[in-house]
């Protein structure tokens, strides 16, 4: 059932992608704000309670619904529920259109448009980027987006589903990421000067996110190595792990750099907020009197400052963008084949 649920969710998401400003997104923001307002007492115990309520609460609810449907209406209803949860948590099309637009602009030689599209996507100042730096930015942000929106959710879902947790793994991964965005990034975002989050809750949220993403990041790196240049990907992974073993972003990018044999890292991950975007959105937020007009991408985390991940790799070129697409889709196929084999083994057994 895990395989079929994932396959149907991916097909549904490709046919009808979920927008950033859907009602559930706004509801989650209000829920996160309510939880922090009522449970954030700047203490270790209260921070754990707040995080558990925001992240583990929905996950536990998904398990209860899953098994209730299974026991009362049968496995088809439980599978449909899993498809619905995966549809809400997976997000291929949430970033792929940005990637495609920038790739097309670069292919046509319109670097000015590519800079503007990159600036609109990640809200960074791309005005002084060269063509090579634009490509490197797009590769890095796309790889990280693929991990966060696809492979991290997929691996977390598969692991807990095999243990009888239904869709809880997907919910935990997505909600842990959402908690970090809502309580860590937003607390330091100029758009939200009146969003007080205690230091204890921020530290707890960040620490638990690293724990939640620890295994998915390494599984993503492993799959990249399998479908790409294996030795180079593993060597990049090891090098980055020695540099910073807790940095999941760096490990994923290091493996991707080796798998593609391309030079990544460096300045491309150091965000420079775009002044015009900040001013415009500050005005619009004040005028609206609310915060619900901003999507999760507006709160994208600041990526780590890394040195070159693969100094021996090739200089990023537009052709590497096609290789990125191939790397991502081959990785999806590997996951589908693996889950299909596991499902077949369970049916035969």
C-alpha atoms as a PDB file:
ATOM      1  CA  UNK A   1       0.000   0.000   0.000  1.00  0.00           C
ATOM      2  CA  UNK A   2       2.933   2.322   0.629  1.00  0.00           C
ATOM      3  CA  UNK A   3       4.054   2.114  -2.997  1.00  0.00           C
ATOM      4  CA  UNK A   4       0.608   2.682  -4.492  1.00  0.00           C
ATOM      5  CA  UNK A   5      -0.143   5.566  -2.115  1.00  0.00           C
ATOM      6  CA  UNK A   6       3.100   7.302  -3.053  1.00  0.00           C
ATOM      7  CA  UNK A   7       2.627   6.707  -6.777  1.00  0.00           C
ATOM      8  CA  UNK A   8      -0.919   8.080  -6.754  1.00  0.00           C
ATOM      9  CA  UNK A   9       0.148  11.108  -4.691  1.00  0.00           C
ATOM     10  CA  UNK A  10       2.987  11.919  -7.110  1.00  0.00           C
ATOM     11  CA  UNK A  11       0.686  11.629 -10.111  1.00  0.00           C
ATOM     12  CA  UNK A  12      -1.949  13.789  -8.439  1.00  0.00           C
ATOM     13  CA  UNK A  13       0.625  16.400  -7.463  1.00  0.00           C
ATOM     14  CA  UNK A  14       1.926  16.544 -11.025  1.00  0.00           C
ATOM     15  CA  UNK A  15      -1.575  16.922 -12.447  1.00  0.00           C
ATOM     16  CA  UNK A  16      -2.873  19.426  -9.901  1.00  0.00           C
ATOM     17  CA  UNK A  17      -0.077  21.012  -7.850  1.00  0.00           C
ATOM     18  CA  UNK A  18      -0.903  22.579  -4.514  1.00  0.00           C
ATOM     19  CA  UNK A  19      -0.203  26.319  -4.382  1.00  0.00           C
ATOM     20  CA  UNK A  20       1.795  28.023  -1.664  1.00  0.00           C
ATOM     21  CA  UNK A  21      -1.142  30.099  -0.464  1.00  0.00           C
ATOM     22  CA  UNK A  22      -3.675  27.340   0.008  1.00  0.00           C
ATOM     23  CA  UNK A  23      -6.058  27.493   3.003  1.00  0.00           C
ATOM     24  CA  UNK A  24      -4.209  24.768   4.921  1.00  0.00           C
ATOM     25  CA  UNK A  25      -1.035  26.843   4.814  1.00  0.00           C
ATOM     26  CA  UNK A  26      -2.813  29.804   6.408  1.00  0.00           C
ATOM     27  CA  UNK A  27      -4.452  27.551   8.991  1.00  0.00           C
ATOM     28  CA  UNK A  28      -1.080  26.085   9.984  1.00  0.00           C
ATOM     29  CA  UNK A  29       0.394  29.552  10.455  1.00  0.00           C
ATOM     30  CA  UNK A  30      -2.468  30.485  12.783  1.00  0.00           C
ATOM     31  CA  UNK A  31      -2.058  27.186  14.638  1.00  0.00           C
ATOM     32  CA  UNK A  32       1.687  27.770  15.094  1.00  0.00           C
ATOM     33  CA  UNK A  33       1.027  31.281  16.363  1.00  0.00           C
ATOM     34  CA  UNK A  34      -1.607  30.025  18.820  1.00  0.00           C
ATOM     35  CA  UNK A  35       0.698  27.303  20.135  1.00  0.00           C
ATOM     36  CA  UNK A  36       3.606  29.700  20.658  1.00  0.00           C
ATOM     37  CA  UNK A  37       1.367  32.276  22.326  1.00  0.00           C
ATOM     38  CA  UNK A  38      -0.039  29.763  24.821  1.00  0.00           C
ATOM     39  CA  UNK A  39       2.867  27.375  25.464  1.00  0.00           C
ATOM     40  CA  UNK A  40       6.056  29.357  24.914  1.00  0.00           C
ATOM     41  CA  UNK A  41       7.256  30.191  28.443  1.00  0.00           C
ATOM     42  CA  UNK A  42      10.980  30.339  27.581  1.00  0.00           C
ATOM     43  CA  UNK A  43      11.658  27.111  29.477  1.00  0.00           C
ATOM     44  CA  UNK A  44      12.885  23.697  28.399  1.00  0.00           C
ATOM     45  CA  UNK A  45       9.667  21.885  29.340  1.00  0.00           C
ATOM     46  CA  UNK A  46       7.356  24.425  27.726  1.00  0.00           C
ATOM     47  CA  UNK A  47       9.415  24.456  24.513  1.00  0.00           C
ATOM     48  CA  UNK A  48       9.156  20.673  24.304  1.00  0.00           C
ATOM     49  CA  UNK A  49       5.393  20.843  24.886  1.00  0.00           C
ATOM     50  CA  UNK A  50       4.946  23.492  22.193  1.00  0.00           C
ATOM     51  CA  UNK A  51       6.989  21.561  19.618  1.00  0.00           C
ATOM     52  CA  UNK A  52       5.219  18.297  20.430  1.00  0.00           C
ATOM     53  CA  UNK A  53       1.814  19.917  20.083  1.00  0.00           C
ATOM     54  CA  UNK A  54       2.663  21.469  16.717  1.00  0.00           C
ATOM     55  CA  UNK A  55       4.566  18.521  15.208  1.00  0.00           C
ATOM     56  CA  UNK A  56       3.676  15.300  17.016  1.00  0.00           C
ATOM     57  CA  UNK A  57       0.023  16.220  17.545  1.00  0.00           C
ATOM     58  CA  UNK A  58      -0.895  16.142  13.820  1.00  0.00           C
ATOM     59  CA  UNK A  59       1.281  13.048  13.321  1.00  0.00           C
ATOM     60  CA  UNK A  60      -0.529  11.160  16.091  1.00  0.00           C
ATOM     61  CA  UNK A  61      -3.864  12.287  14.674  1.00  0.00           C
ATOM     62  CA  UNK A  62      -2.884  10.931  11.248  1.00  0.00           C
ATOM     63  CA  UNK A  63      -2.070   7.536  12.772  1.00  0.00           C
ATOM     64  CA  UNK A  64      -5.409   7.414  14.588  1.00  0.00           C
ATOM     65  CA  UNK A  65      -7.345   8.324  11.441  1.00  0.00           C
ATOM     66  CA  UNK A  66      -5.345   5.849   9.351  1.00  0.00           C
ATOM     67  CA  UNK A  67      -6.033   2.866  11.611  1.00  0.00           C
ATOM     68  CA  UNK A  68      -9.635   3.888  12.267  1.00  0.00           C
ATOM     69  CA  UNK A  69     -10.317   3.913   8.528  1.00  0.00           C
ATOM     70  CA  UNK A  70      -8.451   0.621   8.094  1.00  0.00           C
ATOM     71  CA  UNK A  71     -10.391  -1.164  10.834  1.00  0.00           C
ATOM     72  CA  UNK A  72     -13.816   0.257  10.011  1.00  0.00           C
ATOM     73  CA  UNK A  73     -13.896   0.801   6.235  1.00  0.00           C
ATOM     74  CA  UNK A  74     -10.995  -1.333   5.060  1.00  0.00           C
ATOM     75  CA  UNK A  75      -7.601  -0.760   3.489  1.00  0.00           C
ATOM     76  CA  UNK A  76      -8.853   1.188   0.403  1.00  0.00           C
ATOM     77  CA  UNK A  77     -10.065   4.057   2.581  1.00  0.00           C
ATOM     78  CA  UNK A  78      -6.832   4.026   4.572  1.00  0.00           C
ATOM     79  CA  UNK A  79      -4.839   4.161   1.337  1.00  0.00           C
ATOM     80  CA  UNK A  80      -6.860   7.097   0.064  1.00  0.00           C
ATOM     81  CA  UNK A  81      -6.154   8.892   3.317  1.00  0.00           C
ATOM     82  CA  UNK A  82      -2.436   8.264   2.869  1.00  0.00           C
ATOM     83  CA  UNK A  83      -2.642   9.620  -0.678  1.00  0.00           C
ATOM     84  CA  UNK A  84      -4.310  12.777   0.639  1.00  0.00           C
ATOM     85  CA  UNK A  85      -1.644  13.283   3.314  1.00  0.00           C
ATOM     86  CA  UNK A  86       1.200  12.722   0.840  1.00  0.00           C
ATOM     87  CA  UNK A  87      -0.434  15.108  -1.616  1.00  0.00           C
ATOM     88  CA  UNK A  88      -0.421  17.795   1.073  1.00  0.00           C
ATOM     89  CA  UNK A  89       3.147  17.115   2.236  1.00  0.00           C
ATOM     90  CA  UNK A  90       4.979  16.353  -1.012  1.00  0.00           C
ATOM     91  CA  UNK A  91       5.805  19.351  -3.165  1.00  0.00           C
ATOM     92  CA  UNK A  92       7.486  18.609  -6.505  1.00  0.00           C
ATOM     93  CA  UNK A  93       5.660  21.351  -8.337  1.00  0.00           C
ATOM     94  CA  UNK A  94       6.182  23.891  -5.549  1.00  0.00           C
ATOM     95  CA  UNK A  95       9.672  24.621  -6.852  1.00  0.00           C
ATOM     96  CA  UNK A  96       9.982  22.985 -10.296  1.00  0.00           C
ATOM     97  CA  UNK A  97       8.290  25.849 -12.150  1.00  0.00           C
ATOM     98  CA  UNK A  98      10.884  28.288 -10.796  1.00  0.00           C
ATOM     99  CA  UNK A  99      13.666  25.979 -11.940  1.00  0.00           C
ATOM    100  CA  UNK A 100      12.144  25.560 -15.408  1.00  0.00           C
ATOM    101  CA  UNK A 101      11.624  29.286 -15.943  1.00  0.00           C
ATOM    102  CA  UNK A 102      15.215  30.157 -14.999  1.00  0.00           C
ATOM    103  CA  UNK A 103      16.613  27.310 -17.107  1.00  0.00           C
ATOM    104  CA  UNK A 104      14.629  28.480 -20.135  1.00  0.00           C
ATOM    105  CA  UNK A 105      15.794  32.072 -19.647  1.00  0.00           C
ATOM    106  CA  UNK A 106      19.435  30.970 -19.499  1.00  0.00           C
ATOM    107  CA  UNK A 107      19.006  28.737 -22.542  1.00  0.00           C
ATOM    108  CA  UNK A 108      17.721  31.748 -24.488  1.00  0.00           C
ATOM    109  CA  UNK A 109      20.639  33.873 -23.290  1.00  0.00           C
ATOM    110  CA  UNK A 110      18.451  36.231 -21.241  1.00  0.00           C
ATOM    111  CA  UNK A 111      20.599  36.490 -18.116  1.00  0.00           C
ATOM    112  CA  UNK A 112      18.784  39.591 -16.863  1.00  0.00           C
ATOM    113  CA  UNK A 113      15.491  37.677 -16.787  1.00  0.00           C
ATOM    114  CA  UNK A 114      17.213  34.735 -15.106  1.00  0.00           C
ATOM    115  CA  UNK A 115      18.530  37.034 -12.361  1.00  0.00           C
ATOM    116  CA  UNK A 116      15.078  38.508 -11.830  1.00  0.00           C
ATOM    117  CA  UNK A 117      13.427  35.088 -11.675  1.00  0.00           C
ATOM    118  CA  UNK A 118      16.024  33.845  -9.196  1.00  0.00           C
ATOM    119  CA  UNK A 119      15.533  36.971  -7.103  1.00  0.00           C
ATOM    120  CA  UNK A 120      11.755  36.467  -7.072  1.00  0.00           C
ATOM    121  CA  UNK A 121      12.104  32.775  -6.178  1.00  0.00           C
ATOM    122  CA  UNK A 122      14.500  33.005  -3.247  1.00  0.00           C
ATOM    123  CA  UNK A 123      14.229  36.719  -2.398  1.00  0.00           C
ATOM    124  CA  UNK A 124      17.955  37.325  -2.769  1.00  0.00           C
ATOM    125  CA  UNK A 125      19.892  40.084  -4.486  1.00  0.00           C
ATOM    126  CA  UNK A 126      20.983  38.475  -7.755  1.00  0.00           C
ATOM    127  CA  UNK A 127      21.792  41.681  -9.607  1.00  0.00           C
ATOM    128  CA  UNK A 128      25.569  41.140  -9.682  1.00  0.00           C
ATOM    129  CA  UNK A 129      25.643  37.400 -10.394  1.00  0.00           C
ATOM    130  CA  UNK A 130      27.493  36.084 -13.415  1.00  0.00           C
ATOM    131  CA  UNK A 131      26.011  33.415 -15.662  1.00  0.00           C
ATOM    132  CA  UNK A 132      28.041  30.725 -13.894  1.00  0.00           C
ATOM    133  CA  UNK A 133      26.932  31.922 -10.459  1.00  0.00           C
ATOM    134  CA  UNK A 134      23.294  31.956 -11.547  1.00  0.00           C
ATOM    135  CA  UNK A 135      23.556  28.332 -12.632  1.00  0.00           C
ATOM    136  CA  UNK A 136      25.270  27.396  -9.378  1.00  0.00           C
ATOM    137  CA  UNK A 137      22.569  29.137  -7.357  1.00  0.00           C
ATOM    138  CA  UNK A 138      19.820  27.340  -9.267  1.00  0.00           C
ATOM    139  CA  UNK A 139      21.471  23.936  -8.875  1.00  0.00           C
ATOM    140  CA  UNK A 140      22.010  24.361  -5.138  1.00  0.00           C
ATOM    141  CA  UNK A 141      18.576  25.736  -4.338  1.00  0.00           C
ATOM    142  CA  UNK A 142      16.901  23.109  -6.541  1.00  0.00           C
ATOM    143  CA  UNK A 143      18.780  20.227  -4.912  1.00  0.00           C
ATOM    144  CA  UNK A 144      17.867  21.464  -1.442  1.00  0.00           C
ATOM    145  CA  UNK A 145      14.255  22.030  -2.490  1.00  0.00           C
ATOM    146  CA  UNK A 146      14.054  18.522  -3.953  1.00  0.00           C
ATOM    147  CA  UNK A 147      15.337  17.097  -0.673  1.00  0.00           C
ATOM    148  CA  UNK A 148      12.992  19.137   1.529  1.00  0.00           C
ATOM    149  CA  UNK A 149       9.875  18.872  -0.608  1.00  0.00           C
ATOM    150  CA  UNK A 150      10.287  15.347  -1.998  1.00  0.00           C
ATOM    151  CA  UNK A 151      12.993  13.005  -0.726  1.00  0.00           C
ATOM    152  CA  UNK A 152      12.909  14.008   2.932  1.00  0.00           C
ATOM    153  CA  UNK A 153       9.142  13.521   3.081  1.00  0.00           C
ATOM    154  CA  UNK A 154       9.350  10.326   1.026  1.00  0.00           C
ATOM    155  CA  UNK A 155      11.995   8.631   3.159  1.00  0.00           C
ATOM    156  CA  UNK A 156      10.353   9.630   6.450  1.00  0.00           C
ATOM    157  CA  UNK A 157       7.018   8.335   5.205  1.00  0.00           C
ATOM    158  CA  UNK A 158       8.471   5.039   3.994  1.00  0.00           C
ATOM    159  CA  UNK A 159      10.285   4.323   7.263  1.00  0.00           C
ATOM    160  CA  UNK A 160       7.331   4.890   9.592  1.00  0.00           C
ATOM    161  CA  UNK A 161       4.838   3.309   7.194  1.00  0.00           C
ATOM    162  CA  UNK A 162       6.897   0.103   7.315  1.00  0.00           C
ATOM    163  CA  UNK A 163       6.568   0.221  11.115  1.00  0.00           C
ATOM    164  CA  UNK A 164       2.790   0.640  10.990  1.00  0.00           C
ATOM    165  CA  UNK A 165       2.756   4.405  11.382  1.00  0.00           C
ATOM    166  CA  UNK A 166       0.773   5.081   8.217  1.00  0.00           C
ATOM    167  CA  UNK A 167       1.478   8.595   6.917  1.00  0.00           C
ATOM    168  CA  UNK A 168       2.904   9.835  10.238  1.00  0.00           C
ATOM    169  CA  UNK A 169       6.466  10.040   8.916  1.00  0.00           C
ATOM    170  CA  UNK A 170       5.482  12.466   6.170  1.00  0.00           C
ATOM    171  CA  UNK A 171       3.562  14.587   8.669  1.00  0.00           C
ATOM    172  CA  UNK A 172       6.432  14.691  11.178  1.00  0.00           C
ATOM    173  CA  UNK A 173       8.973  15.720   8.549  1.00  0.00           C
ATOM    174  CA  UNK A 174       6.811  18.432   7.025  1.00  0.00           C
ATOM    175  CA  UNK A 175       5.618  19.802  10.362  1.00  0.00           C
ATOM    176  CA  UNK A 176       9.146  19.808  11.827  1.00  0.00           C
ATOM    177  CA  UNK A 177      10.285  21.864   8.861  1.00  0.00           C
ATOM    178  CA  UNK A 178       7.266  24.126   9.224  1.00  0.00           C
ATOM    179  CA  UNK A 179       7.991  24.608  12.933  1.00  0.00           C
ATOM    180  CA  UNK A 180      11.529  25.695  12.133  1.00  0.00           C
ATOM    181  CA  UNK A 181      10.282  28.146   9.544  1.00  0.00           C
ATOM    182  CA  UNK A 182       7.561  29.513  11.794  1.00  0.00           C
ATOM    183  CA  UNK A 183       9.559  29.755  15.016  1.00  0.00           C
ATOM    184  CA  UNK A 184      13.191  30.180  13.941  1.00  0.00           C
ATOM    185  CA  UNK A 185      13.238  32.056  10.643  1.00  0.00           C
ATOM    186  CA  UNK A 186      10.138  34.133  11.240  1.00  0.00           C
ATOM    187  CA  UNK A 187      11.334  35.261  14.655  1.00  0.00           C
ATOM    188  CA  UNK A 188      14.235  37.041  12.909  1.00  0.00           C
ATOM    189  CA  UNK A 189      12.305  38.174   9.834  1.00  0.00           C
ATOM    190  CA  UNK A 190      11.822  41.976   9.495  1.00  0.00           C
ATOM    191  CA  UNK A 191       8.342  41.334   8.124  1.00  0.00           C
ATOM    192  CA  UNK A 192       7.235  40.087  11.541  1.00  0.00           C
ATOM    193  CA  UNK A 193       8.545  42.492  14.190  1.00  0.00           C
ATOM    194  CA  UNK A 194       5.770  41.493  16.603  1.00  0.00           C
ATOM    195  CA  UNK A 195       6.294  37.734  16.500  1.00  0.00           C
ATOM    196  CA  UNK A 196       8.008  36.999  19.831  1.00  0.00           C
ATOM    197  CA  UNK A 197       9.543  33.529  20.063  1.00  0.00           C
ATOM    198  CA  UNK A 198      11.663  32.648  23.086  1.00  0.00           C
ATOM    199  CA  UNK A 199      15.248  31.548  22.688  1.00  0.00           C
ATOM    200  CA  UNK A 200      14.435  28.239  24.361  1.00  0.00           C
ATOM    201  CA  UNK A 201      11.753  27.407  21.794  1.00  0.00           C
ATOM    202  CA  UNK A 202      13.959  28.450  18.878  1.00  0.00           C
ATOM    203  CA  UNK A 203      16.855  26.299  20.089  1.00  0.00           C
ATOM    204  CA  UNK A 204      14.582  23.329  20.792  1.00  0.00           C
ATOM    205  CA  UNK A 205      12.955  23.613  17.356  1.00  0.00           C
ATOM    206  CA  UNK A 206      16.278  23.873  15.543  1.00  0.00           C
ATOM    207  CA  UNK A 207      17.803  20.957  17.471  1.00  0.00           C
ATOM    208  CA  UNK A 208      14.818  18.687  16.884  1.00  0.00           C
ATOM    209  CA  UNK A 209      14.735  19.583  13.201  1.00  0.00           C
ATOM    210  CA  UNK A 210      18.357  18.458  12.848  1.00  0.00           C
ATOM    211  CA  UNK A 211      17.397  15.159  14.472  1.00  0.00           C
ATOM    212  CA  UNK A 212      14.343  14.682  12.257  1.00  0.00           C
ATOM    213  CA  UNK A 213      16.346  15.449   9.106  1.00  0.00           C
ATOM    214  CA  UNK A 214      19.444  13.444  10.101  1.00  0.00           C
ATOM    215  CA  UNK A 215      18.486  10.142   8.479  1.00  0.00           C
ATOM    216  CA  UNK A 216      16.500  11.559   5.497  1.00  0.00           C
ATOM    217  CA  UNK A 217      19.433  13.797   4.520  1.00  0.00           C
ATOM    218  CA  UNK A 218      21.790  10.839   4.466  1.00  0.00           C
ATOM    219  CA  UNK A 219      19.340   8.652   2.572  1.00  0.00           C
ATOM    220  CA  UNK A 220      18.997  11.397  -0.041  1.00  0.00           C
ATOM    221  CA  UNK A 221      22.783  11.622  -0.308  1.00  0.00           C
ATOM    222  CA  UNK A 222      23.025   7.842  -0.671  1.00  0.00           C
ATOM    223  CA  UNK A 223      20.436   7.717  -3.456  1.00  0.00           C
ATOM    224  CA  UNK A 224      22.224  10.566  -5.280  1.00  0.00           C
ATOM    225  CA  UNK A 225      25.411   8.513  -5.076  1.00  0.00           C
ATOM    226  CA  UNK A 226      23.670   5.401  -6.426  1.00  0.00           C
ATOM    227  CA  UNK A 227      22.189   7.175  -9.466  1.00  0.00           C
ATOM    228  CA  UNK A 228      25.212   9.424 -10.108  1.00  0.00           C
ATOM    229  CA  UNK A 229      28.988   9.211  -9.806  1.00  0.00           C
ATOM    230  CA  UNK A 230      29.142   6.943  -6.769  1.00  0.00           C
ATOM    231  CA  UNK A 231      32.748   7.358  -5.665  1.00  0.00           C
ATOM    232  CA  UNK A 232      32.789  11.131  -6.073  1.00  0.00           C
ATOM    233  CA  UNK A 233      29.462  11.499  -4.265  1.00  0.00           C
ATOM    234  CA  UNK A 234      30.573   9.375  -1.316  1.00  0.00           C
ATOM    235  CA  UNK A 235      33.885  11.209  -1.088  1.00  0.00           C
ATOM    236  CA  UNK A 236      32.104  14.579  -1.085  1.00  0.00           C
ATOM    237  CA  UNK A 237      29.731  13.283   1.596  1.00  0.00           C
ATOM    238  CA  UNK A 238      32.599  12.138   3.799  1.00  0.00           C
ATOM    239  CA  UNK A 239      34.495  15.389   3.358  1.00  0.00           C
ATOM    240  CA  UNK A 240      31.473  17.482   4.310  1.00  0.00           C
ATOM    241  CA  UNK A 241      30.630  15.185   7.238  1.00  0.00           C
ATOM    242  CA  UNK A 242      34.120  15.701   8.629  1.00  0.00           C
ATOM    243  CA  UNK A 243      33.700  19.459   8.246  1.00  0.00           C
ATOM    244  CA  UNK A 244      30.265  19.646   9.873  1.00  0.00           C
ATOM    245  CA  UNK A 245      28.593  16.310  10.733  1.00  0.00           C
ATOM    246  CA  UNK A 246      25.299  17.945  11.787  1.00  0.00           C
ATOM    247  CA  UNK A 247      24.792  19.872   8.546  1.00  0.00           C
ATOM    248  CA  UNK A 248      22.244  17.926   6.513  1.00  0.00           C
ATOM    249  CA  UNK A 249      22.148  20.608   3.815  1.00  0.00           C
ATOM    250  CA  UNK A 250      25.878  20.357   3.267  1.00  0.00           C
ATOM    251  CA  UNK A 251      25.838  16.550   3.081  1.00  0.00           C
ATOM    252  CA  UNK A 252      23.040  16.557   0.499  1.00  0.00           C
ATOM    253  CA  UNK A 253      24.806  19.184  -1.604  1.00  0.00           C
ATOM    254  CA  UNK A 254      28.173  17.477  -1.277  1.00  0.00           C
ATOM    255  CA  UNK A 255      26.716  14.205  -2.541  1.00  0.00           C
ATOM    256  CA  UNK A 256      24.907  16.007  -5.370  1.00  0.00           C
ATOM    257  CA  UNK A 257      28.102  17.826  -6.381  1.00  0.00           C
ATOM    258  CA  UNK A 258      29.976  14.546  -6.573  1.00  0.00           C
ATOM    259  CA  UNK A 259      27.131  12.757  -8.339  1.00  0.00           C
ATOM    260  CA  UNK A 260      27.014  15.487 -11.007  1.00  0.00           C
ATOM    261  CA  UNK A 261      30.775  16.137 -11.029  1.00  0.00           C
ATOM    262  CA  UNK A 262      30.093  19.862 -10.689  1.00  0.00           C
ATOM    263  CA  UNK A 263      31.635  22.474  -8.416  1.00  0.00           C
ATOM    264  CA  UNK A 264      29.132  23.762  -5.858  1.00  0.00           C
ATOM    265  CA  UNK A 265      29.257  25.650  -2.560  1.00  0.00           C
ATOM    266  CA  UNK A 266      30.719  28.990  -1.578  1.00  0.00           C
ATOM    267  CA  UNK A 267      29.011  32.306  -2.078  1.00  0.00           C
ATOM    268  CA  UNK A 268      25.981  30.819  -3.785  1.00  0.00           C
ATOM    269  CA  UNK A 269      24.542  29.836  -0.406  1.00  0.00           C
ATOM    270  CA  UNK A 270      24.985  33.173   1.326  1.00  0.00           C
ATOM    271  CA  UNK A 271      21.705  34.986   1.164  1.00  0.00           C
ATOM    272  CA  UNK A 272      21.501  38.686   0.400  1.00  0.00           C
ATOM    273  CA  UNK A 273      17.917  39.876   0.975  1.00  0.00           C
ATOM    274  CA  UNK A 274      16.442  41.847  -1.888  1.00  0.00           C
ATOM    275  CA  UNK A 275      15.652  45.359  -0.543  1.00  0.00           C
ATOM    276  CA  UNK A 276      12.729  46.044  -2.878  1.00  0.00           C
ATOM    277  CA  UNK A 277      11.019  42.775  -1.989  1.00  0.00           C
ATOM    278  CA  UNK A 278      11.406  43.491   1.716  1.00  0.00           C
ATOM    279  CA  UNK A 279       9.965  46.994   1.430  1.00  0.00           C
ATOM    280  CA  UNK A 280       7.053  45.912  -0.761  1.00  0.00           C
ATOM    281  CA  UNK A 281       6.072  42.977   1.425  1.00  0.00           C
ATOM    282  CA  UNK A 282       6.434  44.961   4.629  1.00  0.00           C
ATOM    283  CA  UNK A 283       3.973  47.511   3.254  1.00  0.00           C
ATOM    284  CA  UNK A 284       1.561  44.879   1.997  1.00  0.00           C
ATOM    285  CA  UNK A 285       1.657  42.980   5.274  1.00  0.00           C
ATOM    286  CA  UNK A 286       0.905  46.113   7.279  1.00  0.00           C
ATOM    287  CA  UNK A 287      -1.863  47.090   4.891  1.00  0.00           C
ATOM    288  CA  UNK A 288      -3.459  43.667   5.116  1.00  0.00           C
ATOM    289  CA  UNK A 289      -3.129  43.633   8.885  1.00  0.00           C
ATOM    290  CA  UNK A 290      -2.200  39.962   8.774  1.00  0.00           C
ATOM    291  CA  UNK A 291       0.540  37.579   7.850  1.00  0.00           C
ATOM    292  CA  UNK A 292      -1.379  35.086   5.767  1.00  0.00           C
ATOM    293  CA  UNK A 293      -0.469  36.575   2.384  1.00  0.00           C
ATOM    294  CA  UNK A 294       3.029  35.117   2.564  1.00  0.00           C
ATOM    295  CA  UNK A 295       3.815  31.540   1.659  1.00  0.00           C
ATOM    296  CA  UNK A 296       6.289  29.195   3.276  1.00  0.00           C
ATOM    297  CA  UNK A 297       8.872  30.027   0.603  1.00  0.00           C
ATOM    298  CA  UNK A 298       8.935  33.598   1.907  1.00  0.00           C
ATOM    299  CA  UNK A 299      10.461  32.186   5.077  1.00  0.00           C
ATOM    300  CA  UNK A 300      13.058  29.969   3.429  1.00  0.00           C
ATOM    301  CA  UNK A 301      15.927  29.307   5.744  1.00  0.00           C
ATOM    302  CA  UNK A 302      19.341  30.849   5.352  1.00  0.00           C
ATOM    303  CA  UNK A 303      21.510  28.179   3.804  1.00  0.00           C
ATOM    304  CA  UNK A 304      24.842  27.342   5.442  1.00  0.00           C
ATOM    305  CA  UNK A 305      28.042  29.089   4.496  1.00  0.00           C
ATOM    306  CA  UNK A 306      30.207  26.372   3.020  1.00  0.00           C
ATOM    307  CA  UNK A 307      33.477  26.179   1.241  1.00  0.00           C
ATOM    308  CA  UNK A 308      33.666  24.619  -2.237  1.00  0.00           C
ATOM    309  CA  UNK A 309      32.107  21.185  -1.962  1.00  0.00           C
ATOM    310  CA  UNK A 310      33.915  19.699  -4.947  1.00  0.00           C
ATOM    311  CA  UNK A 311      36.962  21.737  -6.019  1.00  0.00           C
ATOM    312  CA  UNK A 312      37.806  19.181  -8.700  1.00  0.00           C
ATOM    313  CA  UNK A 313      34.356  19.295 -10.288  1.00  0.00           C
ATOM    314  CA  UNK A 314      33.379  21.074 -13.465  1.00  0.00           C
ATOM    315  CA  UNK A 315      32.354  24.724 -13.531  1.00  0.00           C
ATOM    316  CA  UNK A 316      28.533  24.931 -13.438  1.00  0.00           C
ATOM    317  CA  UNK A 317      27.028  25.379 -16.894  1.00  0.00           C
ATOM    318  CA  UNK A 318      23.491  25.474 -18.257  1.00  0.00           C
ATOM    319  CA  UNK A 319      23.877  21.880 -19.414  1.00  0.00           C
ATOM    320  CA  UNK A 320      24.226  20.795 -15.804  1.00  0.00           C
ATOM    321  CA  UNK A 321      20.635  21.899 -15.170  1.00  0.00           C
ATOM    322  CA  UNK A 322      19.462  19.081 -17.422  1.00  0.00           C
ATOM    323  CA  UNK A 323      21.641  16.704 -15.419  1.00  0.00           C
ATOM    324  CA  UNK A 324      20.014  17.947 -12.203  1.00  0.00           C
ATOM    325  CA  UNK A 325      16.588  17.032 -13.582  1.00  0.00           C
ATOM    326  CA  UNK A 326      17.896  13.605 -14.519  1.00  0.00           C
ATOM    327  CA  UNK A 327      19.460  13.110 -11.080  1.00  0.00           C
ATOM    328  CA  UNK A 328      16.213  13.986  -9.308  1.00  0.00           C
ATOM    329  CA  UNK A 329      13.999  11.802 -11.459  1.00  0.00           C
ATOM    330  CA  UNK A 330      16.378   8.841 -11.332  1.00  0.00           C
ATOM    331  CA  UNK A 331      16.316   9.181  -7.550  1.00  0.00           C
ATOM    332  CA  UNK A 332      12.507   9.138  -7.576  1.00  0.00           C
ATOM    333  CA  UNK A 333      12.560   5.993  -9.719  1.00  0.00           C
ATOM    334  CA  UNK A 334      14.977   4.300  -7.304  1.00  0.00           C
ATOM    335  CA  UNK A 335      12.652   5.027  -4.397  1.00  0.00           C
ATOM    336  CA  UNK A 336       9.602   3.783  -6.322  1.00  0.00           C
ATOM    337  CA  UNK A 337      11.369   0.588  -7.371  1.00  0.00           C
ATOM    338  CA  UNK A 338      12.561  -0.044  -3.819  1.00  0.00           C
ATOM    339  CA  UNK A 339       9.092   0.484  -2.380  1.00  0.00           C
ATOM    340  CA  UNK A 340       7.551  -1.653  -5.117  1.00  0.00           C
ATOM    341  CA  UNK A 341       9.914  -4.521  -4.267  1.00  0.00           C
ATOM    342  CA  UNK A 342       9.157  -4.184  -0.568  1.00  0.00           C
ATOM    343  CA  UNK A 343       5.415  -4.152  -1.279  1.00  0.00           C
ATOM    344  CA  UNK A 344       5.736  -7.221  -3.508  1.00  0.00           C
ATOM    345  CA  UNK A 345       7.745  -9.028  -0.843  1.00  0.00           C
ATOM    346  CA  UNK A 346       5.067  -8.340   1.746  1.00  0.00           C
ATOM    347  CA  UNK A 347       2.314  -9.557  -0.584  1.00  0.00           C
ATOM    348  CA  UNK A 348       4.179 -12.734  -1.436  1.00  0.00           C
ATOM    349  CA  UNK A 349       5.192 -13.324   2.172  1.00  0.00           C
END
